[in-house]
Amino acid sequence: MLVTTVSTLFALGLGVSGWRLAVVVVAVLANQLSIGLSNDWIDAERDRAVGRRDKPVARGDVSVGAVRVWAIGTLVASVVLACVLGAGAGIGISLLALGGWAYNLGLKRTLASVVPYLVGFGALPVGIGFAAEQPVWVPAWLPVATALLGAAAHFANVLPDLEDDAATGVRGLPHALGRRVSGLVGFALLAASAAVLTFGPAGAPSWPYVAGFVLSLGIAVAGATIALTRPPTRLLMRLVMFAALLDVLLIAFATDRLLA
């Protein structure tokens, strides 16, 4: 829901409206559903093995077959809808879903586990820019910032599962770096993303952007401190999500900065 909300705000800031805006929203929502559903389908046995009671498939509340059908169906729907908006929008938006699937299908077990996040989240605002009736080339700082934000989300999301992943043979980049280093890297990426969003556009940032940057830095410091001193929890990912929404709210409602 957060990624869909962020994408909607980006689209509004870039002048996407009418049926095109509706298609962007539904395409990104289907995109995200397909990633989550494919994860629960592909990891069903792993989730059962480690007792993931928060997973309906692992609990037996829904069949693996049903989740597989919906995962594939939402992926196809997302790609088709995105392509309705044109080739540029289709490629940019679909790269996020395809990256998520590549991660679920095996990249999570490699040192390249962060790559789908960098590529997918970096491509998303580019695709949304092309979704406008008059396609917009987004400034280079924007995909850089969202790619860094995606990478931060990867580290924060994986940290609470490091032990369960190790028990079932998953060893990506955060696992190789270890909990403490990964915590520092993840929240350093979050701070870097905030810096690019604030100071990337031409001209001096206004006070709301400076205030948002300072708040994002505070979130990054708090997250890194938690990661270093306490067992990792889902709170880390919620901190990244809050910072992402804060940054995007600042940027999306300043069209002059988006289109500069």
C-alpha atoms as a PDB file:
ATOM      1  CA  MET A   1       0.000   0.000   0.000  1.00  0.00           C
ATOM      2  CA  LEU A   2       2.889   2.362   0.731  1.00  0.00           C
ATOM      3  CA  VAL A   3       4.514   1.831  -2.679  1.00  0.00           C
ATOM      4  CA  THR A   4       1.140   2.362  -4.378  1.00  0.00           C
ATOM      5  CA  THR A   5       0.545   5.549  -2.372  1.00  0.00           C
ATOM      6  CA  VAL A   6       4.034   6.848  -3.139  1.00  0.00           C
ATOM      7  CA  SER A   7       3.566   6.073  -6.833  1.00  0.00           C
ATOM      8  CA  THR A   8       0.240   7.926  -6.859  1.00  0.00           C
ATOM      9  CA  LEU A   9       1.859  11.003  -5.314  1.00  0.00           C
ATOM     10  CA  PHE A  10       4.691  10.874  -7.842  1.00  0.00           C
ATOM     11  CA  ALA A  11       2.180  10.566 -10.685  1.00  0.00           C
ATOM     12  CA  LEU A  12       0.201  13.570  -9.442  1.00  0.00           C
ATOM     13  CA  GLY A  13       3.389  15.600  -9.107  1.00  0.00           C
ATOM     14  CA  LEU A  14       4.355  14.717 -12.682  1.00  0.00           C
ATOM     15  CA  GLY A  15       0.979  15.733 -14.088  1.00  0.00           C
ATOM     16  CA  VAL A  16      -0.475  12.279 -14.695  1.00  0.00           C
ATOM     17  CA  SER A  17      -4.265  12.561 -14.521  1.00  0.00           C
ATOM     18  CA  GLY A  18      -7.574  11.012 -15.546  1.00  0.00           C
ATOM     19  CA  TRP A  19      -7.643   7.429 -16.746  1.00  0.00           C
ATOM     20  CA  ARG A  20      -3.853   7.355 -16.964  1.00  0.00           C
ATOM     21  CA  LEU A  21      -3.571   8.056 -13.245  1.00  0.00           C
ATOM     22  CA  ALA A  22      -6.106   5.303 -12.508  1.00  0.00           C
ATOM     23  CA  VAL A  23      -4.116   2.830 -14.621  1.00  0.00           C
ATOM     24  CA  VAL A  24      -0.872   3.745 -12.829  1.00  0.00           C
ATOM     25  CA  VAL A  25      -2.494   3.150  -9.439  1.00  0.00           C
ATOM     26  CA  VAL A  26      -4.000  -0.224 -10.380  1.00  0.00           C
ATOM     27  CA  ALA A  27      -0.862  -1.361 -12.244  1.00  0.00           C
ATOM     28  CA  VAL A  28       1.425  -0.589  -9.291  1.00  0.00           C
ATOM     29  CA  LEU A  29      -1.012  -2.164  -6.819  1.00  0.00           C
ATOM     30  CA  ALA A  30      -1.167  -5.353  -8.926  1.00  0.00           C
ATOM     31  CA  ASN A  31       2.616  -5.141  -9.260  1.00  0.00           C
ATOM     32  CA  GLN A  32       3.088  -5.154  -5.486  1.00  0.00           C
ATOM     33  CA  LEU A  33       0.474  -7.835  -4.891  1.00  0.00           C
ATOM     34  CA  SER A  34       2.229 -10.119  -7.380  1.00  0.00           C
ATOM     35  CA  ILE A  35       5.547  -9.732  -5.536  1.00  0.00           C
ATOM     36  CA  GLY A  36       4.034 -10.459  -2.123  1.00  0.00           C
ATOM     37  CA  LEU A  37       1.943 -13.377  -3.352  1.00  0.00           C
ATOM     38  CA  SER A  38       4.842 -14.933  -5.253  1.00  0.00           C
ATOM     39  CA  ASN A  39       6.992 -14.669  -2.127  1.00  0.00           C
ATOM     40  CA  ASP A  40       4.434 -16.548  -0.038  1.00  0.00           C
ATOM     41  CA  TRP A  41       3.983 -19.175  -2.749  1.00  0.00           C
ATOM     42  CA  ILE A  42       7.686 -19.753  -3.445  1.00  0.00           C
ATOM     43  CA  ASP A  43       8.673 -19.672   0.237  1.00  0.00           C
ATOM     44  CA  ALA A  44       5.754 -21.734   1.551  1.00  0.00           C
ATOM     45  CA  GLU A  45       7.922 -24.680   2.639  1.00  0.00           C
ATOM     46  CA  ARG A  46      10.576 -22.404   4.162  1.00  0.00           C
ATOM     47  CA  ASP A  47       7.932 -20.468   6.069  1.00  0.00           C
ATOM     48  CA  ARG A  48       6.437 -23.685   7.453  1.00  0.00           C
ATOM     49  CA  ALA A  49       9.879 -24.951   8.433  1.00  0.00           C
ATOM     50  CA  VAL A  50      10.597 -21.903  10.585  1.00  0.00           C
ATOM     51  CA  GLY A  51       7.069 -21.591  11.983  1.00  0.00           C
ATOM     52  CA  ARG A  52       6.017 -18.315  10.368  1.00  0.00           C
ATOM     53  CA  ARG A  53       2.582 -17.909  11.981  1.00  0.00           C
ATOM     54  CA  ASP A  54       2.115 -14.520  10.272  1.00  0.00           C
ATOM     55  CA  LYS A  55       1.929 -16.227   6.869  1.00  0.00           C
ATOM     56  CA  PRO A  56      -1.532 -17.559   5.850  1.00  0.00           C
ATOM     57  CA  VAL A  57      -0.002 -20.086   3.436  1.00  0.00           C
ATOM     58  CA  ALA A  58       2.328 -21.447   6.122  1.00  0.00           C
ATOM     59  CA  ARG A  59      -0.635 -21.725   8.522  1.00  0.00           C
ATOM     60  CA  GLY A  60      -2.657 -23.623   5.927  1.00  0.00           C
ATOM     61  CA  ASP A  61      -5.383 -20.944   5.705  1.00  0.00           C
ATOM     62  CA  VAL A  62      -5.029 -20.763   1.920  1.00  0.00           C
ATOM     63  CA  SER A  63      -3.602 -23.265  -0.565  1.00  0.00           C
ATOM     64  CA  VAL A  64      -0.264 -22.811  -2.308  1.00  0.00           C
ATOM     65  CA  GLY A  65      -2.003 -23.420  -5.646  1.00  0.00           C
ATOM     66  CA  ALA A  66      -4.460 -20.582  -5.124  1.00  0.00           C
ATOM     67  CA  VAL A  67      -1.701 -18.167  -4.172  1.00  0.00           C
ATOM     68  CA  ARG A  68       0.342 -19.225  -7.219  1.00  0.00           C
ATOM     69  CA  VAL A  69      -2.591 -18.523  -9.565  1.00  0.00           C
ATOM     70  CA  TRP A  70      -3.169 -15.075  -8.066  1.00  0.00           C
ATOM     71  CA  ALA A  71       0.554 -14.281  -8.083  1.00  0.00           C
ATOM     72  CA  ILE A  72       0.828 -15.003 -11.808  1.00  0.00           C
ATOM     73  CA  GLY A  73      -2.504 -13.327 -12.574  1.00  0.00           C
ATOM     74  CA  THR A  74      -1.609 -10.077 -10.825  1.00  0.00           C
ATOM     75  CA  LEU A  75       1.814 -10.041 -12.504  1.00  0.00           C
ATOM     76  CA  VAL A  76       0.232 -10.371 -15.957  1.00  0.00           C
ATOM     77  CA  ALA A  77      -2.389  -7.739 -15.111  1.00  0.00           C
ATOM     78  CA  SER A  78       0.285  -5.315 -13.912  1.00  0.00           C
ATOM     79  CA  VAL A  79       2.460  -5.696 -17.017  1.00  0.00           C
ATOM     80  CA  VAL A  80      -0.487  -5.421 -19.423  1.00  0.00           C
ATOM     81  CA  LEU A  81      -1.885  -2.336 -17.681  1.00  0.00           C
ATOM     82  CA  ALA A  82       1.509  -0.637 -17.554  1.00  0.00           C
ATOM     83  CA  CYS A  83       2.057  -1.279 -21.262  1.00  0.00           C
ATOM     84  CA  VAL A  84      -1.298   0.354 -22.061  1.00  0.00           C
ATOM     85  CA  LEU A  85       0.398   3.600 -21.004  1.00  0.00           C
ATOM     86  CA  GLY A  86       3.191   3.151 -23.543  1.00  0.00           C
ATOM     87  CA  ALA A  87       6.476   1.289 -23.860  1.00  0.00           C
ATOM     88  CA  GLY A  88       8.423   3.558 -21.502  1.00  0.00           C
ATOM     89  CA  ALA A  89       5.826   3.313 -18.748  1.00  0.00           C
ATOM     90  CA  GLY A  90       5.444  -0.409 -19.329  1.00  0.00           C
ATOM     91  CA  ILE A  91       9.155  -1.087 -18.968  1.00  0.00           C
ATOM     92  CA  GLY A  92       9.697   1.246 -15.997  1.00  0.00           C
ATOM     93  CA  ILE A  93       6.758   0.035 -13.935  1.00  0.00           C
ATOM     94  CA  SER A  94       7.188  -3.636 -14.864  1.00  0.00           C
ATOM     95  CA  LEU A  95      10.864  -3.683 -13.890  1.00  0.00           C
ATOM     96  CA  LEU A  96       9.798  -3.340 -10.257  1.00  0.00           C
ATOM     97  CA  ALA A  97       7.598  -6.450 -10.431  1.00  0.00           C
ATOM     98  CA  LEU A  98      10.114  -8.445 -12.466  1.00  0.00           C
ATOM     99  CA  GLY A  99      12.877  -7.486 -10.048  1.00  0.00           C
ATOM    100  CA  GLY A 100      10.740  -8.636  -7.127  1.00  0.00           C
ATOM    101  CA  TRP A 101      10.095 -11.954  -8.819  1.00  0.00           C
ATOM    102  CA  ALA A 102      13.792 -12.398  -9.624  1.00  0.00           C
ATOM    103  CA  TYR A 103      14.551 -11.772  -5.957  1.00  0.00           C
ATOM    104  CA  ASN A 104      11.959 -14.314  -4.800  1.00  0.00           C
ATOM    105  CA  LEU A 105      13.074 -16.920  -7.334  1.00  0.00           C
ATOM    106  CA  GLY A 106      16.697 -16.948  -6.250  1.00  0.00           C
ATOM    107  CA  LEU A 107      18.564 -13.640  -6.139  1.00  0.00           C
ATOM    108  CA  LYS A 108      17.784 -13.382  -2.425  1.00  0.00           C
ATOM    109  CA  ARG A 109      20.270 -16.229  -1.950  1.00  0.00           C
ATOM    110  CA  THR A 110      23.153 -14.342  -3.578  1.00  0.00           C
ATOM    111  CA  LEU A 111      25.351 -11.332  -2.896  1.00  0.00           C
ATOM    112  CA  ALA A 112      23.323  -9.577  -5.626  1.00  0.00           C
ATOM    113  CA  SER A 113      20.212  -9.621  -3.434  1.00  0.00           C
ATOM    114  CA  VAL A 114      20.088  -5.815  -3.335  1.00  0.00           C
ATOM    115  CA  VAL A 115      20.176  -5.429  -7.132  1.00  0.00           C
ATOM    116  CA  PRO A 116      16.419  -5.990  -7.759  1.00  0.00           C
ATOM    117  CA  TYR A 117      15.651  -3.264  -5.226  1.00  0.00           C
ATOM    118  CA  LEU A 118      18.091  -0.816  -6.810  1.00  0.00           C
ATOM    119  CA  VAL A 119      16.837  -1.481 -10.340  1.00  0.00           C
ATOM    120  CA  GLY A 120      13.130  -1.810  -9.565  1.00  0.00           C
ATOM    121  CA  PHE A 121      12.752   1.237  -7.345  1.00  0.00           C
ATOM    122  CA  GLY A 122      15.097   3.266  -9.541  1.00  0.00           C
ATOM    123  CA  ALA A 123      13.034   2.484 -12.640  1.00  0.00           C
ATOM    124  CA  LEU A 124       9.635   3.134 -11.053  1.00  0.00           C
ATOM    125  CA  PRO A 125       9.625   6.984 -11.140  1.00  0.00           C
ATOM    126  CA  VAL A 126      11.031   6.885 -14.683  1.00  0.00           C
ATOM    127  CA  GLY A 127       8.136   4.675 -15.776  1.00  0.00           C
ATOM    128  CA  ILE A 128       5.613   6.910 -14.040  1.00  0.00           C
ATOM    129  CA  GLY A 129       7.073   9.931 -15.823  1.00  0.00           C
ATOM    130  CA  PHE A 130       6.434   8.228 -19.160  1.00  0.00           C
ATOM    131  CA  ALA A 131       2.839   7.478 -18.099  1.00  0.00           C
ATOM    132  CA  ALA A 132       1.845  11.143 -18.507  1.00  0.00           C
ATOM    133  CA  GLU A 133      -0.072  12.137 -21.627  1.00  0.00           C
ATOM    134  CA  GLN A 134       2.966  14.222 -22.507  1.00  0.00           C
ATOM    135  CA  PRO A 135       5.790  11.912 -21.317  1.00  0.00           C
ATOM    136  CA  VAL A 136       8.147  13.478 -18.785  1.00  0.00           C
ATOM    137  CA  TRP A 137      11.839  12.703 -18.386  1.00  0.00           C
ATOM    138  CA  VAL A 138      12.322  12.786 -14.628  1.00  0.00           C
ATOM    139  CA  PRO A 139      15.552  14.420 -13.384  1.00  0.00           C
ATOM    140  CA  ALA A 140      18.432  12.012 -12.751  1.00  0.00           C
ATOM    141  CA  TRP A 141      18.494  12.654  -8.997  1.00  0.00           C
ATOM    142  CA  LEU A 142      15.014  11.171  -8.572  1.00  0.00           C
ATOM    143  CA  PRO A 143      15.709   7.549  -9.675  1.00  0.00           C
ATOM    144  CA  VAL A 144      19.002   7.691  -7.777  1.00  0.00           C
ATOM    145  CA  ALA A 145      17.139   8.651  -4.605  1.00  0.00           C
ATOM    146  CA  THR A 146      14.420   6.013  -5.023  1.00  0.00           C
ATOM    147  CA  ALA A 147      17.009   3.335  -5.827  1.00  0.00           C
ATOM    148  CA  LEU A 148      18.835   4.139  -2.575  1.00  0.00           C
ATOM    149  CA  LEU A 149      15.514   4.071  -0.735  1.00  0.00           C
ATOM    150  CA  GLY A 150      14.731   0.645  -2.181  1.00  0.00           C
ATOM    151  CA  ALA A 151      18.119  -0.648  -1.113  1.00  0.00           C
ATOM    152  CA  ALA A 152      17.532   0.688   2.414  1.00  0.00           C
ATOM    153  CA  ALA A 153      14.192  -1.132   2.502  1.00  0.00           C
ATOM    154  CA  HIS A 154      15.935  -4.367   1.508  1.00  0.00           C
ATOM    155  CA  PHE A 155      18.321  -4.247   4.458  1.00  0.00           C
ATOM    156  CA  ALA A 156      15.629  -3.204   6.947  1.00  0.00           C
ATOM    157  CA  ASN A 157      13.218  -5.882   5.727  1.00  0.00           C
ATOM    158  CA  VAL A 158      15.744  -8.718   5.893  1.00  0.00           C
ATOM    159  CA  LEU A 159      17.260  -7.945   9.309  1.00  0.00           C
ATOM    160  CA  PRO A 160      14.496  -9.552  11.450  1.00  0.00           C
ATOM    161  CA  ASP A 161      14.674 -12.746   9.342  1.00  0.00           C
ATOM    162  CA  LEU A 162      18.433 -13.348   9.329  1.00  0.00           C
ATOM    163  CA  GLU A 163      18.297 -16.378  11.638  1.00  0.00           C
ATOM    164  CA  ASP A 164      15.297 -17.959   9.904  1.00  0.00           C
ATOM    165  CA  ASP A 165      16.923 -17.372   6.525  1.00  0.00           C
ATOM    166  CA  ALA A 166      20.187 -18.950   7.654  1.00  0.00           C
ATOM    167  CA  ALA A 167      18.294 -22.022   8.866  1.00  0.00           C
ATOM    168  CA  THR A 168      16.754 -22.505   5.429  1.00  0.00           C
ATOM    169  CA  GLY A 169      19.765 -21.766   3.245  1.00  0.00           C
ATOM    170  CA  VAL A 170      19.151 -18.141   2.297  1.00  0.00           C
ATOM    171  CA  ARG A 171      22.295 -16.036   2.357  1.00  0.00           C
ATOM    172  CA  GLY A 172      22.092 -12.709   0.572  1.00  0.00           C
ATOM    173  CA  LEU A 173      24.181  -9.569   0.949  1.00  0.00           C
ATOM    174  CA  PRO A 174      22.783  -8.579   4.389  1.00  0.00           C
ATOM    175  CA  HIS A 175      23.493 -12.093   5.671  1.00  0.00           C
ATOM    176  CA  ALA A 176      27.087 -11.902   4.446  1.00  0.00           C
ATOM    177  CA  LEU A 177      27.623  -8.503   6.073  1.00  0.00           C
ATOM    178  CA  GLY A 178      26.027  -9.491   9.381  1.00  0.00           C
ATOM    179  CA  ARG A 179      23.330  -7.865  11.489  1.00  0.00           C
ATOM    180  CA  ARG A 180      25.218  -4.840  12.797  1.00  0.00           C
ATOM    181  CA  VAL A 181      26.951  -3.876   9.551  1.00  0.00           C
ATOM    182  CA  SER A 182      23.734  -4.412   7.590  1.00  0.00           C
ATOM    183  CA  GLY A 183      21.844  -2.183  10.022  1.00  0.00           C
ATOM    184  CA  LEU A 184      24.387   0.590   9.569  1.00  0.00           C
ATOM    185  CA  VAL A 185      24.461   0.186   5.784  1.00  0.00           C
ATOM    186  CA  GLY A 186      20.659   0.153   5.508  1.00  0.00           C
ATOM    187  CA  PHE A 187      20.113   3.353   7.443  1.00  0.00           C
ATOM    188  CA  ALA A 188      23.109   5.035   5.816  1.00  0.00           C
ATOM    189  CA  LEU A 189      21.371   4.350   2.491  1.00  0.00           C
ATOM    190  CA  LEU A 190      18.202   5.908   3.915  1.00  0.00           C
ATOM    191  CA  ALA A 191      20.128   9.050   4.901  1.00  0.00           C
ATOM    192  CA  ALA A 192      21.790   9.177   1.480  1.00  0.00           C
ATOM    193  CA  SER A 193      18.407   8.942  -0.237  1.00  0.00           C
ATOM    194  CA  ALA A 194      17.074  11.834   1.856  1.00  0.00           C
ATOM    195  CA  ALA A 195      20.161  13.892   0.994  1.00  0.00           C
ATOM    196  CA  VAL A 196      19.716  13.317  -2.744  1.00  0.00           C
ATOM    197  CA  LEU A 197      15.995  14.173  -2.583  1.00  0.00           C
ATOM    198  CA  THR A 198      16.739  17.373  -0.656  1.00  0.00           C
ATOM    199  CA  PHE A 199      19.869  18.675  -2.359  1.00  0.00           C
ATOM    200  CA  GLY A 200      19.678  16.988  -5.783  1.00  0.00           C
ATOM    201  CA  PRO A 201      17.419  19.559  -7.460  1.00  0.00           C
ATOM    202  CA  ALA A 202      18.947  22.808  -8.655  1.00  0.00           C
ATOM    203  CA  GLY A 203      18.866  25.717  -6.243  1.00  0.00           C
ATOM    204  CA  ALA A 204      18.820  25.906  -2.477  1.00  0.00           C
ATOM    205  CA  PRO A 205      16.118  23.786  -0.805  1.00  0.00           C
ATOM    206  CA  SER A 206      13.353  25.618   1.060  1.00  0.00           C
ATOM    207  CA  TRP A 207      12.933  25.164   4.805  1.00  0.00           C
ATOM    208  CA  PRO A 208      10.347  22.308   4.572  1.00  0.00           C
ATOM    209  CA  TYR A 209      12.903  20.223   2.670  1.00  0.00           C
ATOM    210  CA  VAL A 210      15.662  20.992   5.133  1.00  0.00           C
ATOM    211  CA  ALA A 211      13.302  20.096   8.002  1.00  0.00           C
ATOM    212  CA  GLY A 212      12.356  16.857   6.224  1.00  0.00           C
ATOM    213  CA  PHE A 213      16.018  16.046   5.674  1.00  0.00           C
ATOM    214  CA  VAL A 214      16.813  16.611   9.354  1.00  0.00           C
ATOM    215  CA  LEU A 215      13.863  14.418  10.371  1.00  0.00           C
ATOM    216  CA  SER A 216      14.983  11.696   7.942  1.00  0.00           C
ATOM    217  CA  LEU A 217      18.483  11.850   9.421  1.00  0.00           C
ATOM    218  CA  GLY A 218      16.956  11.444  12.877  1.00  0.00           C
ATOM    219  CA  ILE A 219      15.040   8.384  11.680  1.00  0.00           C
ATOM    220  CA  ALA A 220      18.228   6.950  10.169  1.00  0.00           C
ATOM    221  CA  VAL A 221      20.167   7.458  13.395  1.00  0.00           C
ATOM    222  CA  ALA A 222      17.350   5.927  15.451  1.00  0.00           C
ATOM    223  CA  GLY A 223      17.131   2.939  13.127  1.00  0.00           C
ATOM    224  CA  ALA A 224      20.879   2.357  13.144  1.00  0.00           C
ATOM    225  CA  THR A 225      20.922   2.586  16.943  1.00  0.00           C
ATOM    226  CA  ILE A 226      18.126   0.039  17.252  1.00  0.00           C
ATOM    227  CA  ALA A 227      19.854  -2.279  14.786  1.00  0.00           C
ATOM    228  CA  LEU A 228      23.089  -2.098  16.783  1.00  0.00           C
ATOM    229  CA  THR A 229      21.678  -2.409  20.295  1.00  0.00           C
ATOM    230  CA  ARG A 230      18.499  -4.476  20.095  1.00  0.00           C
ATOM    231  CA  PRO A 231      17.279  -7.618  18.339  1.00  0.00           C
ATOM    232  CA  PRO A 232      15.948  -6.479  14.936  1.00  0.00           C
ATOM    233  CA  THR A 233      12.167  -6.193  14.583  1.00  0.00           C
ATOM    234  CA  ARG A 234       9.654  -5.052  11.951  1.00  0.00           C
ATOM    235  CA  LEU A 235       9.970  -1.590  13.496  1.00  0.00           C
ATOM    236  CA  LEU A 236      13.072  -1.055  11.355  1.00  0.00           C
ATOM    237  CA  MET A 237      11.091  -1.494   8.144  1.00  0.00           C
ATOM    238  CA  ARG A 238       8.333   0.782   9.481  1.00  0.00           C
ATOM    239  CA  LEU A 239      10.923   3.502  10.090  1.00  0.00           C
ATOM    240  CA  VAL A 240      12.100   3.222   6.472  1.00  0.00           C
ATOM    241  CA  MET A 241       8.489   3.332   5.256  1.00  0.00           C
ATOM    242  CA  PHE A 242       7.731   6.444   7.301  1.00  0.00           C
ATOM    243  CA  ALA A 243      10.847   8.199   6.016  1.00  0.00           C
ATOM    244  CA  ALA A 244       9.946   7.240   2.441  1.00  0.00           C
ATOM    245  CA  LEU A 245       6.451   8.676   2.760  1.00  0.00           C
ATOM    246  CA  LEU A 246       7.833  11.856   4.331  1.00  0.00           C
ATOM    247  CA  ASP A 247      10.353  12.373   1.531  1.00  0.00           C
ATOM    248  CA  VAL A 248       7.858  11.676  -1.228  1.00  0.00           C
ATOM    249  CA  LEU A 249       5.239  13.996   0.257  1.00  0.00           C
ATOM    250  CA  LEU A 250       7.793  16.803   0.180  1.00  0.00           C
ATOM    251  CA  ILE A 251       8.900  16.102  -3.379  1.00  0.00           C
ATOM    252  CA  ALA A 252       5.605  15.133  -5.036  1.00  0.00           C
ATOM    253  CA  PHE A 253       3.870  18.365  -4.109  1.00  0.00           C
ATOM    254  CA  ALA A 254       6.644  20.531  -5.515  1.00  0.00           C
ATOM    255  CA  THR A 255       6.229  20.073  -9.242  1.00  0.00           C
ATOM    256  CA  ASP A 256       8.915  22.655  -9.985  1.00  0.00           C
ATOM    257  CA  ARG A 257      11.500  20.449  -8.245  1.00  0.00           C
ATOM    258  CA  LEU A 258      10.292  17.297  -9.977  1.00  0.00           C
ATOM    259  CA  LEU A 259      10.381  18.891 -13.418  1.00  0.00           C
ATOM    260  CA  ALA A 260      13.517  21.005 -12.954  1.00  0.00           C
END
